[in-house]
Amino acid sequence: MIKFISIEESIPFQKFKGLYEDADIKNEKNIDAACISSLNKTRNEISSRFVNIKYIKENKFYFYSNYYSNKAKDFDEHNQVAISFFWKSINVQIRIKANIMKASAKESDNYFKTRDINKNSLAISSKQSNKIDSFEDVKKKYLKVLNSNNIDKLNRPKYWGGYFFIPYSFEFWRGDDNRLNEREEFKIINQKWLSTFLEP
């Protein structure tokens, strides 16, 4: 579930929130899942993966990850990303283009304190994206942290924390059985959101 702490009053943000609420009413599974695509300029390669959006504050969408992961390296090299949501229950796709940056240490510390011990143990034990001999080794590292004596006093590791992205483009796609799909695009130009409809 995405927590709306506060949200920008502009039309695309309010439209996103309204569609989210429609999908939530229809019990959309994995409603917080967003596919985020990034560019690694060194390898000249694009990668995509799903992340869980935790909350939206004003015009910032937040998620959390390992700062040594492959996606983190991509974000460091190139701060433009593309994001897609798809909510099958209402047949809506939302495409976003945005700039991404790290959350503050305070924001990451505060969020870490709200998380389940099991998740925090994994955040500490995993060197995300690094090669390892077997999945059994992954579990051993995880259980070692989880079963440690100071489990209730775990602090956020410096290599784990938040990211947020700030959209500069939205496209709202609503599917139709006859492919008469409705597409509305919003782009921010001169600090104002301008909209246009696109052909299917």
Protein backbone atom coordinates (compact mmCIF):
# COMPACT_ATOMS: atom_id res chain seq x y z
CA MET A 1 0.00 0.00 0.00
CA ILE A 2 1.17 3.51 -0.81
CA LYS A 3 0.80 6.02 1.99
CA PHE A 4 -0.24 9.49 0.86
CA ILE A 5 1.39 11.74 3.45
CA SER A 6 0.62 14.78 1.35
CA ILE A 7 0.27 15.23 -2.37
CA GLU A 8 0.63 18.08 -4.81
CA GLU A 9 -2.65 19.76 -5.73
CA SER A 10 -1.95 19.72 -9.47
CA ILE A 11 -4.19 17.67 -11.76
CA PRO A 12 -1.80 14.79 -12.61
CA PHE A 13 -0.99 14.08 -8.96
CA GLN A 14 -4.64 14.22 -7.97
CA LYS A 15 -5.54 12.02 -10.94
CA PHE A 16 -2.92 9.48 -9.82
CA LYS A 17 -4.37 9.45 -6.30
CA GLY A 18 -7.94 9.06 -7.61
CA LEU A 19 -7.02 6.11 -9.83
CA TYR A 20 -5.06 4.53 -6.98
CA GLU A 21 -8.13 4.75 -4.76
CA ASP A 22 -10.30 3.21 -7.52
CA ALA A 23 -7.88 0.29 -7.86
CA ASP A 24 -7.63 -0.12 -4.09
CA ILE A 25 -11.42 -0.41 -3.78
CA LYS A 26 -11.23 -3.26 -6.31
CA ASN A 27 -8.54 -4.99 -4.21
CA GLU A 28 -5.72 -4.55 -6.72
CA LYS A 29 -2.85 -6.89 -5.88
CA ASN A 30 0.63 -5.38 -5.53
CA ILE A 31 -0.86 -1.93 -5.94
CA ASP A 32 2.37 -0.31 -4.73
CA ALA A 33 4.55 -2.06 -7.33
CA ALA A 34 6.20 0.19 -9.91
CA CYS A 35 8.50 -0.85 -12.74
CA ILE A 36 11.43 1.56 -12.80
CA SER A 37 13.85 1.73 -15.75
CA SER A 38 17.29 3.27 -15.55
CA LEU A 39 20.29 3.86 -17.78
CA ASN A 40 23.82 2.72 -17.03
CA LYS A 41 25.91 5.06 -19.15
CA THR A 42 29.13 3.10 -18.63
CA ARG A 43 27.65 -0.08 -20.13
CA ASN A 44 25.25 1.82 -22.41
CA GLU A 45 22.50 -0.45 -21.10
CA ILE A 46 18.96 0.03 -19.84
CA SER A 47 17.62 -2.06 -16.96
CA SER A 48 14.14 -2.42 -15.43
CA ARG A 49 12.93 -3.83 -12.13
CA PHE A 50 9.97 -3.54 -9.80
CA VAL A 51 10.17 -1.54 -6.58
CA ASN A 52 7.56 -0.92 -3.91
CA ILE A 53 6.55 2.71 -3.54
CA LYS A 54 6.18 3.33 0.18
CA TYR A 55 4.74 6.82 0.33
CA ILE A 56 4.21 10.05 -1.56
CA LYS A 57 5.05 13.37 0.03
CA GLU A 58 4.14 16.47 -1.97
CA ASN A 59 5.60 15.69 -5.44
CA LYS A 60 8.06 12.97 -4.31
CA PHE A 61 7.54 9.21 -4.66
CA TYR A 62 9.68 7.30 -2.10
CA PHE A 63 11.10 3.78 -2.12
CA TYR A 64 14.03 2.15 -0.32
CA SER A 65 16.96 0.05 -1.47
CA ASN A 66 20.62 -0.87 -1.12
CA TYR A 67 22.92 1.96 -2.19
CA TYR A 68 25.44 -0.54 -3.60
CA SER A 69 22.92 -2.28 -5.87
CA ASN A 70 23.05 -2.18 -9.65
CA LYS A 71 20.12 0.19 -9.82
CA ALA A 72 21.82 2.53 -7.35
CA LYS A 73 24.86 2.66 -9.62
CA ASP A 74 22.57 3.51 -12.53
CA PHE A 75 20.91 6.31 -10.55
CA ASP A 76 24.32 7.73 -9.62
CA GLU A 77 25.37 7.84 -13.27
CA HIS A 78 22.12 9.11 -14.76
CA ASN A 79 19.34 10.65 -12.67
CA GLN A 80 16.53 10.33 -15.21
CA VAL A 81 14.23 7.32 -14.86
CA ALA A 82 11.02 5.97 -16.38
CA ILE A 83 8.36 4.41 -14.16
CA SER A 84 5.26 2.36 -14.99
CA PHE A 85 2.30 1.28 -12.89
CA PHE A 86 -0.32 -1.15 -14.17
CA TRP A 87 -3.53 -1.78 -12.24
CA LYS A 88 -5.36 -4.66 -13.91
CA SER A 89 -8.52 -4.27 -11.82
CA ILE A 90 -9.30 -0.94 -13.50
CA ASN A 91 -7.28 -1.56 -16.71
CA VAL A 92 -5.13 1.52 -16.19
CA GLN A 93 -1.45 2.08 -16.94
CA ILE A 94 0.39 5.13 -15.64
CA ARG A 95 3.73 6.05 -17.21
CA ILE A 96 5.98 8.57 -15.49
CA LYS A 97 9.25 10.25 -16.44
CA ALA A 98 11.16 11.67 -13.51
CA ASN A 99 14.40 12.77 -11.92
CA ILE A 100 15.64 10.61 -9.04
CA MET A 101 17.77 11.38 -5.99
CA LYS A 102 18.64 10.01 -2.57
CA ALA A 103 16.45 10.72 0.43
CA SER A 104 18.09 12.39 3.41
CA ALA A 105 19.77 10.27 6.10
CA LYS A 106 17.10 11.42 8.56
CA GLU A 107 14.28 10.27 6.26
CA SER A 108 15.98 6.90 5.82
CA ASP A 109 16.63 6.51 9.57
CA ASN A 110 13.02 7.33 10.41
CA TYR A 111 11.65 4.84 7.89
CA PHE A 112 14.08 2.09 8.97
CA LYS A 113 12.73 2.34 12.52
CA THR A 114 9.19 1.59 11.31
CA ARG A 115 10.14 -1.59 9.46
CA ASP A 116 9.75 -5.19 10.53
CA ILE A 117 12.84 -6.78 12.13
CA ASN A 118 12.87 -9.50 9.46
CA LYS A 119 13.10 -6.95 6.66
CA ASN A 120 15.76 -4.93 8.44
CA SER A 121 17.81 -8.06 9.05
CA LEU A 122 17.80 -8.72 5.32
CA ALA A 123 18.71 -5.11 4.54
CA ILE A 124 21.76 -5.49 6.78
CA SER A 125 22.82 -8.97 5.69
CA SER A 126 22.43 -8.57 1.91
CA LYS A 127 25.00 -7.05 -0.43
CA GLN A 128 22.32 -6.61 -3.05
CA SER A 129 23.21 -7.66 -6.61
CA ASN A 130 26.59 -9.12 -5.58
CA LYS A 131 27.34 -12.68 -6.68
CA ILE A 132 27.15 -15.42 -4.04
CA ASP A 133 27.76 -19.18 -4.19
CA SER A 134 24.24 -20.32 -3.32
CA PHE A 135 20.86 -19.29 -1.97
CA GLU A 136 21.71 -21.30 1.15
CA ASP A 137 24.51 -18.82 1.81
CA VAL A 138 22.03 -15.96 1.47
CA LYS A 139 19.82 -17.57 4.12
CA LYS A 140 22.75 -18.24 6.46
CA LYS A 141 23.83 -14.60 6.36
CA TYR A 142 20.27 -13.46 6.94
CA LEU A 143 19.67 -15.81 9.89
CA LYS A 144 22.97 -14.80 11.48
CA VAL A 145 21.78 -11.18 11.67
CA LEU A 146 18.22 -12.11 12.61
CA ASN A 147 19.37 -14.31 15.49
CA SER A 148 21.99 -11.91 16.81
CA ASN A 149 21.81 -10.83 20.45
CA ASN A 150 21.23 -7.15 19.66
CA ILE A 151 18.38 -7.67 17.19
CA ASP A 152 16.19 -5.06 18.91
CA LYS A 153 18.90 -2.43 18.52
CA LEU A 154 19.65 -2.75 14.82
CA ASN A 155 20.65 0.53 13.23
CA ARG A 156 20.22 1.42 9.58
CA PRO A 157 23.37 0.52 7.68
CA LYS A 158 24.88 3.37 5.68
CA TYR A 159 24.54 1.32 2.50
CA TRP A 160 20.75 1.15 2.74
CA GLY A 161 18.30 4.02 2.43
CA GLY A 162 15.71 5.90 0.47
CA TYR A 163 15.29 7.31 -2.99
CA PHE A 164 12.61 9.59 -4.29
CA PHE A 165 11.70 10.59 -7.80
CA ILE A 166 10.01 13.80 -8.91
CA PRO A 167 7.86 13.43 -12.04
CA TYR A 168 8.05 15.86 -14.93
CA SER A 169 5.77 13.80 -17.22
CA PHE A 170 2.71 11.60 -16.69
CA GLU A 171 0.74 9.53 -19.17
CA PHE A 172 -2.55 8.02 -18.08
CA TRP A 173 -3.68 5.11 -20.25
CA ARG A 174 -7.11 3.53 -19.85
CA GLY A 175 -7.61 0.35 -21.85
CA ASP A 176 -10.62 -0.52 -23.99
CA ASP A 177 -11.72 -3.96 -25.29
CA ASN A 178 -11.78 -2.57 -28.84
CA ARG A 179 -8.36 -0.92 -28.46
CA LEU A 180 -10.05 2.49 -28.31
CA ASN A 181 -7.65 3.30 -25.51
CA GLU A 182 -7.79 6.69 -23.81
CA ARG A 183 -4.40 8.34 -23.37
CA GLU A 184 -3.86 11.67 -21.61
CA GLU A 185 -0.39 13.14 -21.21
CA PHE A 186 0.73 15.81 -18.74
CA LYS A 187 4.07 17.60 -19.06
CA ILE A 188 5.46 20.35 -16.89
CA ILE A 189 6.41 23.36 -19.00
CA ASN A 190 7.49 26.68 -17.46
CA GLN A 191 6.49 25.31 -14.05
CA LYS A 192 2.93 24.55 -15.21
CA TRP A 193 1.35 21.20 -16.01
CA LEU A 194 -0.03 21.15 -19.56
CA SER A 195 -2.17 18.29 -20.84
CA THR A 196 -2.93 16.78 -24.22
CA PHE A 197 -4.68 13.68 -25.49
CA LEU A 198 -2.80 11.11 -27.57
CA GLU A 199 -4.17 8.77 -30.20
CA PRO A 200 -4.32 5.09 -29.15
